[in-house]
N, C-alpha and C. Protein backbone atom coordinates (compact mmCIF):
# COMPACT_ATOMS: atom_id res chain seq x y z
N MET A 1 17.15 6.19 -0.79
CA MET A 1 15.66 6.03 -0.67
C MET A 1 15.17 5.21 -1.85
N LYS A 2 14.27 4.30 -1.64
CA LYS A 2 13.75 3.33 -2.57
C LYS A 2 12.25 3.64 -2.57
N ILE A 3 11.56 3.01 -3.62
CA ILE A 3 10.13 3.19 -3.75
C ILE A 3 9.53 1.88 -3.82
N TYR A 4 8.54 1.76 -2.85
CA TYR A 4 7.85 0.39 -2.67
C TYR A 4 6.32 0.58 -2.82
N PHE A 5 5.72 -0.63 -3.32
CA PHE A 5 4.29 -0.70 -3.47
C PHE A 5 3.85 -1.49 -2.41
N CYS A 6 2.76 -0.94 -1.49
CA CYS A 6 2.38 -1.60 -0.40
C CYS A 6 0.84 -1.84 -0.68
N TYR A 7 0.40 -3.09 -0.09
CA TYR A 7 -0.95 -3.53 -0.39
C TYR A 7 -1.60 -4.08 0.92
N LEU A 8 -2.85 -3.92 1.14
CA LEU A 8 -3.47 -4.52 2.29
C LEU A 8 -4.87 -4.99 1.83
N ASN A 9 -5.20 -6.28 2.08
CA ASN A 9 -6.51 -6.59 1.92
C ASN A 9 -7.01 -7.15 3.20
N TYR A 10 -7.85 -6.44 3.83
CA TYR A 10 -8.22 -6.68 5.21
C TYR A 10 -9.86 -6.86 5.37
N PHE A 11 -10.22 -7.86 6.03
CA PHE A 11 -11.64 -8.16 6.32
C PHE A 11 -11.82 -8.47 7.78
N ALA A 12 -12.80 -7.73 8.38
CA ALA A 12 -13.01 -8.09 9.71
C ALA A 12 -14.51 -8.13 9.90
N THR A 13 -14.91 -9.24 10.56
CA THR A 13 -16.31 -9.59 10.75
C THR A 13 -17.05 -8.15 11.42
N GLY A 14 -18.13 -7.79 10.94
CA GLY A 14 -18.86 -6.63 11.53
C GLY A 14 -18.08 -5.39 11.28
N GLU A 15 -17.06 -5.27 10.55
CA GLU A 15 -16.42 -3.88 10.20
C GLU A 15 -16.36 -3.81 8.70
N GLY A 16 -16.26 -4.89 7.84
CA GLY A 16 -16.31 -4.56 6.38
C GLY A 16 -15.08 -5.18 5.80
N MET A 17 -14.76 -4.74 4.61
CA MET A 17 -13.69 -5.23 3.76
C MET A 17 -12.97 -3.98 3.29
N THR A 18 -11.59 -3.92 3.45
CA THR A 18 -10.88 -2.77 3.05
C THR A 18 -9.82 -3.33 2.09
N ASN A 19 -9.52 -2.69 0.85
CA ASN A 19 -8.32 -2.83 -0.01
C ASN A 19 -7.58 -1.49 -0.08
N ALA A 20 -6.43 -1.55 0.29
CA ALA A 20 -5.66 -0.17 0.36
C ALA A 20 -4.25 -0.60 -0.30
N MET A 21 -3.94 0.46 -1.23
CA MET A 21 -2.51 0.20 -1.80
C MET A 21 -2.04 1.63 -2.12
N ALA A 22 -0.52 1.83 -1.91
CA ALA A 22 -0.03 2.87 -2.25
C ALA A 22 1.53 2.67 -2.31
N VAL A 23 2.09 3.70 -2.96
CA VAL A 23 3.54 3.77 -3.05
C VAL A 23 4.16 4.50 -1.77
N ALA A 24 5.24 4.11 -1.33
CA ALA A 24 5.97 4.64 -0.17
C ALA A 24 7.38 4.68 -0.47
N TYR A 25 7.98 5.83 0.10
CA TYR A 25 9.45 6.04 -0.17
C TYR A 25 10.03 5.72 1.30
N ALA A 26 10.98 4.89 1.28
CA ALA A 26 11.72 4.49 2.57
C ALA A 26 13.10 3.73 2.20
N GLU A 27 13.64 3.50 3.12
CA GLU A 27 15.05 2.98 3.09
C GLU A 27 14.89 1.36 2.98
N ASN A 28 14.00 0.77 3.47
CA ASN A 28 13.82 -0.65 3.46
C ASN A 28 12.30 -1.10 3.57
N GLU A 29 12.02 -2.37 3.34
CA GLU A 29 10.70 -2.83 3.27
C GLU A 29 9.93 -2.46 4.52
N GLU A 30 10.63 -2.82 5.69
CA GLU A 30 9.94 -2.54 7.02
C GLU A 30 9.52 -0.91 7.31
N ASP A 31 10.43 -0.09 6.90
CA ASP A 31 10.19 1.22 7.06
C ASP A 31 8.95 1.60 5.94
N ALA A 32 8.91 1.06 4.68
CA ALA A 32 7.90 1.24 3.81
C ALA A 32 6.51 0.81 4.28
N LYS A 33 6.56 -0.21 4.96
CA LYS A 33 5.28 -0.83 5.57
C LYS A 33 4.85 0.12 6.69
N LYS A 34 5.74 0.60 7.50
CA LYS A 34 5.26 1.51 8.52
C LYS A 34 4.85 2.83 7.89
N ALA A 35 5.44 3.32 7.00
CA ALA A 35 5.15 4.68 6.35
C ALA A 35 3.64 4.45 5.85
N PHE A 36 3.42 3.40 5.07
CA PHE A 36 2.07 3.24 4.53
C PHE A 36 1.13 3.25 5.48
N ILE A 37 1.24 2.35 6.53
CA ILE A 37 0.29 2.31 7.59
C ILE A 37 0.12 3.59 8.28
N LEU A 38 1.15 4.32 8.72
CA LEU A 38 0.89 5.60 9.45
C LEU A 38 0.22 6.61 8.49
N LYS A 39 0.59 6.68 7.25
CA LYS A 39 -0.01 7.64 6.32
C LYS A 39 -1.51 7.31 5.96
N HIS A 40 -1.82 6.05 5.72
CA HIS A 40 -3.01 5.77 5.07
C HIS A 40 -4.08 4.97 5.89
N LEU A 41 -3.52 4.31 7.05
CA LEU A 41 -4.51 3.49 7.83
C LEU A 41 -4.69 3.99 9.19
N CYS A 42 -3.73 4.43 9.79
CA CYS A 42 -3.66 4.74 11.24
C CYS A 42 -3.43 6.38 11.39
N ASN A 43 -3.95 7.01 10.56
CA ASN A 43 -3.67 8.50 10.60
C ASN A 43 -4.63 9.39 11.43
N VAL A 44 -5.68 8.62 11.99
CA VAL A 44 -6.65 9.28 12.70
C VAL A 44 -6.44 9.41 14.16
N PHE A 45 -5.48 8.63 14.66
CA PHE A 45 -5.28 8.53 16.09
C PHE A 45 -4.33 9.65 16.44
N ILE A 46 -4.67 10.44 17.66
CA ILE A 46 -3.89 11.43 18.13
C ILE A 46 -3.04 10.99 19.22
N ASN A 47 -3.31 9.74 19.81
CA ASN A 47 -2.60 9.17 20.92
C ASN A 47 -1.40 8.35 20.43
N GLU A 48 -0.19 8.42 20.63
CA GLU A 48 0.91 7.61 20.33
C GLU A 48 0.78 6.18 20.55
N LYS A 49 0.26 5.91 21.67
CA LYS A 49 0.00 4.43 22.07
C LYS A 49 -1.00 3.85 21.11
N HIS A 50 -2.04 4.44 20.86
CA HIS A 50 -3.20 3.93 19.84
C HIS A 50 -2.51 3.90 18.44
N THR A 51 -1.74 4.78 18.06
CA THR A 51 -1.17 4.74 16.79
C THR A 51 -0.23 3.59 16.63
N GLN A 52 0.60 3.43 17.62
CA GLN A 52 1.60 2.18 17.57
C GLN A 52 0.86 0.92 17.65
N ASN A 53 -0.27 0.80 18.52
CA ASN A 53 -1.10 -0.48 18.40
C ASN A 53 -1.78 -0.66 16.92
N CYS A 54 -2.07 0.30 16.41
CA CYS A 54 -2.66 0.23 14.86
C CYS A 54 -1.52 -0.25 14.00
N VAL A 55 -0.39 0.38 14.13
CA VAL A 55 0.69 -0.12 13.32
C VAL A 55 1.08 -1.57 13.47
N ASN A 56 1.15 -1.95 14.61
CA ASN A 56 1.42 -3.33 15.09
C ASN A 56 0.32 -4.21 14.35
N TYR A 57 -0.82 -3.93 14.63
CA TYR A 57 -1.99 -4.62 14.12
C TYR A 57 -2.09 -4.95 12.78
N PHE A 58 -1.83 -3.81 11.87
CA PHE A 58 -1.96 -3.93 10.40
C PHE A 58 -0.69 -4.48 9.78
N SER A 59 0.55 -4.28 10.48
CA SER A 59 1.70 -4.78 9.75
C SER A 59 1.82 -6.03 9.49
N HIS A 60 0.95 -6.93 10.07
CA HIS A 60 0.90 -8.36 9.70
C HIS A 60 0.25 -8.60 8.32
N GLY A 61 -0.57 -7.85 7.85
CA GLY A 61 -1.39 -7.96 6.64
C GLY A 61 -0.69 -7.33 5.57
N VAL A 62 0.10 -6.22 5.62
CA VAL A 62 0.55 -5.47 4.54
C VAL A 62 1.67 -6.22 3.80
N VAL A 63 1.55 -6.25 2.42
CA VAL A 63 2.66 -6.82 1.58
C VAL A 63 3.43 -5.69 0.98
N VAL A 64 4.55 -5.83 0.83
CA VAL A 64 5.42 -4.79 0.18
C VAL A 64 6.29 -5.43 -0.82
N TYR A 65 6.35 -4.61 -1.89
CA TYR A 65 7.09 -4.90 -3.07
C TYR A 65 7.96 -3.86 -3.60
N ASP A 66 9.26 -4.01 -3.95
CA ASP A 66 10.18 -3.04 -4.49
C ASP A 66 9.74 -2.87 -5.87
N ILE A 67 9.43 -1.69 -6.36
CA ILE A 67 8.86 -1.31 -7.59
C ILE A 67 10.04 -1.53 -8.65
N ASN A 68 11.21 -1.14 -8.15
CA ASN A 68 12.49 -1.25 -9.20
C ASN A 68 12.92 -2.63 -9.29
N ASP A 69 12.47 -3.56 -8.62
CA ASP A 69 12.85 -4.99 -9.01
C ASP A 69 11.80 -5.70 -9.84
N GLU A 70 12.20 -5.77 -11.01
CA GLU A 70 11.55 -6.21 -12.11
C GLU A 70 10.90 -7.69 -11.80
N THR A 71 11.61 -8.48 -11.11
CA THR A 71 10.94 -9.73 -10.63
C THR A 71 9.66 -9.79 -9.94
N GLN A 72 9.49 -8.36 -9.39
CA GLN A 72 8.29 -8.43 -8.52
C GLN A 72 7.01 -7.62 -9.30
N HIS A 73 7.35 -7.27 -10.56
CA HIS A 73 6.27 -6.52 -11.40
C HIS A 73 5.11 -7.28 -11.51
N ALA A 74 5.24 -8.57 -11.76
CA ALA A 74 4.08 -9.42 -12.02
C ALA A 74 3.22 -9.47 -10.75
N LYS A 75 3.70 -9.58 -9.64
CA LYS A 75 2.98 -9.69 -8.48
C LYS A 75 2.12 -8.31 -8.25
N ILE A 76 2.83 -7.16 -8.44
CA ILE A 76 2.18 -5.93 -8.28
C ILE A 76 1.07 -5.80 -9.38
N LYS A 77 1.29 -6.06 -10.56
CA LYS A 77 0.37 -6.03 -11.63
C LYS A 77 -0.80 -6.98 -11.32
N ASN A 78 -0.59 -8.06 -10.85
CA ASN A 78 -1.61 -9.05 -10.53
C ASN A 78 -2.70 -8.32 -9.39
N ILE A 79 -2.07 -7.72 -8.45
CA ILE A 79 -2.93 -6.98 -7.47
C ILE A 79 -3.65 -5.91 -8.07
N MET A 80 -2.93 -5.00 -8.88
CA MET A 80 -3.63 -3.94 -9.48
C MET A 80 -4.72 -4.19 -10.57
N LYS A 81 -4.46 -5.24 -11.23
CA LYS A 81 -5.47 -5.57 -12.27
C LYS A 81 -6.91 -5.64 -11.94
N ASP A 82 -7.06 -5.94 -10.64
CA ASP A 82 -8.48 -6.18 -10.22
C ASP A 82 -9.16 -4.66 -9.87
N PHE A 83 -8.34 -3.64 -9.96
CA PHE A 83 -8.88 -2.36 -9.68
C PHE A 83 -8.55 -1.24 -10.73
N PHE A 84 -7.59 -1.49 -11.56
CA PHE A 84 -7.33 -0.50 -12.60
C PHE A 84 -7.22 -1.09 -13.96
N THR A 85 -7.19 -0.30 -15.02
CA THR A 85 -6.99 -0.76 -16.38
C THR A 85 -5.57 -0.93 -16.56
N GLU A 86 -5.22 -1.85 -17.60
CA GLU A 86 -3.79 -2.18 -17.89
C GLU A 86 -3.02 -0.78 -18.34
N ASN A 87 -3.58 0.15 -18.91
CA ASN A 87 -2.97 1.50 -19.27
C ASN A 87 -2.63 2.25 -17.97
N ASN A 88 -3.51 2.23 -16.89
CA ASN A 88 -3.18 3.00 -15.81
C ASN A 88 -2.01 2.24 -15.04
N ILE A 89 -2.00 1.02 -15.06
CA ILE A 89 -1.06 0.10 -14.34
C ILE A 89 0.36 0.51 -15.16
N GLU A 90 0.48 0.25 -16.48
CA GLU A 90 1.74 0.54 -17.25
C GLU A 90 2.26 1.92 -17.15
N TYR A 91 1.18 2.90 -16.99
CA TYR A 91 1.78 4.28 -16.74
C TYR A 91 2.56 4.47 -15.54
N MET A 92 2.11 3.86 -14.47
CA MET A 92 2.88 3.99 -13.09
C MET A 92 4.24 3.33 -13.22
N PHE A 93 4.27 2.28 -13.92
CA PHE A 93 5.66 1.64 -14.23
C PHE A 93 6.58 2.42 -15.04
N HIS A 94 5.98 3.08 -16.01
CA HIS A 94 6.63 3.86 -17.03
C HIS A 94 7.10 5.24 -16.32
N ALA A 95 6.31 5.71 -15.54
CA ALA A 95 6.65 6.90 -14.81
C ALA A 95 7.87 6.62 -13.84
N ASN A 96 7.81 5.47 -13.27
CA ASN A 96 8.92 5.25 -12.22
C ASN A 96 10.15 4.95 -13.11
N LYS A 97 10.21 4.16 -14.13
CA LYS A 97 11.33 4.03 -14.89
C LYS A 97 11.96 5.35 -15.45
N ALA A 98 11.05 6.32 -15.79
CA ALA A 98 11.52 7.61 -16.29
C ALA A 98 12.07 8.51 -15.05
N GLY A 99 12.00 8.04 -13.82
CA GLY A 99 12.51 8.76 -12.71
C GLY A 99 11.54 9.79 -12.15
N ALA A 100 10.29 9.65 -12.51
CA ALA A 100 9.21 10.67 -12.11
C ALA A 100 8.83 10.54 -10.63
N LEU A 101 8.53 11.36 -9.88
CA LEU A 101 8.12 11.17 -8.65
C LEU A 101 6.69 10.76 -8.62
N ILE A 102 6.35 9.62 -7.93
CA ILE A 102 5.06 9.04 -8.15
C ILE A 102 4.39 9.14 -6.79
N ASP A 103 3.16 9.62 -6.64
CA ASP A 103 2.24 9.68 -5.50
C ASP A 103 0.93 8.79 -5.94
N PHE A 104 0.82 7.72 -5.30
CA PHE A 104 -0.24 6.91 -5.68
C PHE A 104 -0.91 6.47 -4.36
N TYR A 105 -2.11 6.54 -4.28
CA TYR A 105 -2.82 5.85 -3.12
C TYR A 105 -4.31 5.58 -3.59
N TYR A 106 -4.70 4.36 -3.10
CA TYR A 106 -6.07 3.93 -3.50
C TYR A 106 -6.55 3.12 -2.31
N LYS A 107 -7.89 3.40 -2.04
CA LYS A 107 -8.47 2.64 -0.85
C LYS A 107 -10.00 2.40 -1.26
N SER A 108 -10.41 1.10 -1.08
CA SER A 108 -11.90 0.98 -1.08
C SER A 108 -12.33 0.35 0.18
N TYR A 109 -13.42 0.64 0.61
CA TYR A 109 -14.10 0.06 1.87
C TYR A 109 -15.51 -0.24 1.76
N ALA A 110 -15.84 -1.39 2.06
CA ALA A 110 -17.24 -1.80 2.15
C ALA A 110 -17.60 -2.17 3.41
N ASN A 111 -18.74 -1.69 4.00
CA ASN A 111 -19.18 -2.00 5.23
C ASN A 111 -20.36 -3.07 5.15
N TYR A 112 -20.12 -4.24 5.79
CA TYR A 112 -21.05 -5.34 5.50
C TYR A 112 -21.92 -5.42 6.81
N SER A 113 -21.81 -4.48 7.93
CA SER A 113 -22.59 -4.63 9.04
C SER A 113 -24.06 -4.06 8.87
């Protein structure tokens, strides 16, 4: 099991703007993307067909980075710097490096309609 950072910036005319990010534990990037979407974006659907349609729809916009791959740290930090202080960001990387279990989720939504 690996730890991934997942991020979505989504803007839909008439619906608003969403920024969502979280860590996901999964075997690979595709499973991390699906776990992120199911847990944080499509968790209100009770019908399996609607849930799968939601996953298919959002999977095109979610970016996934392996937190343990130091070559991807700059990309993750670049996303997070618009929402969090440098200390908060470094704390997450430090906790991961120390082997701590990380549970991180953030979402902002603005309705422009």
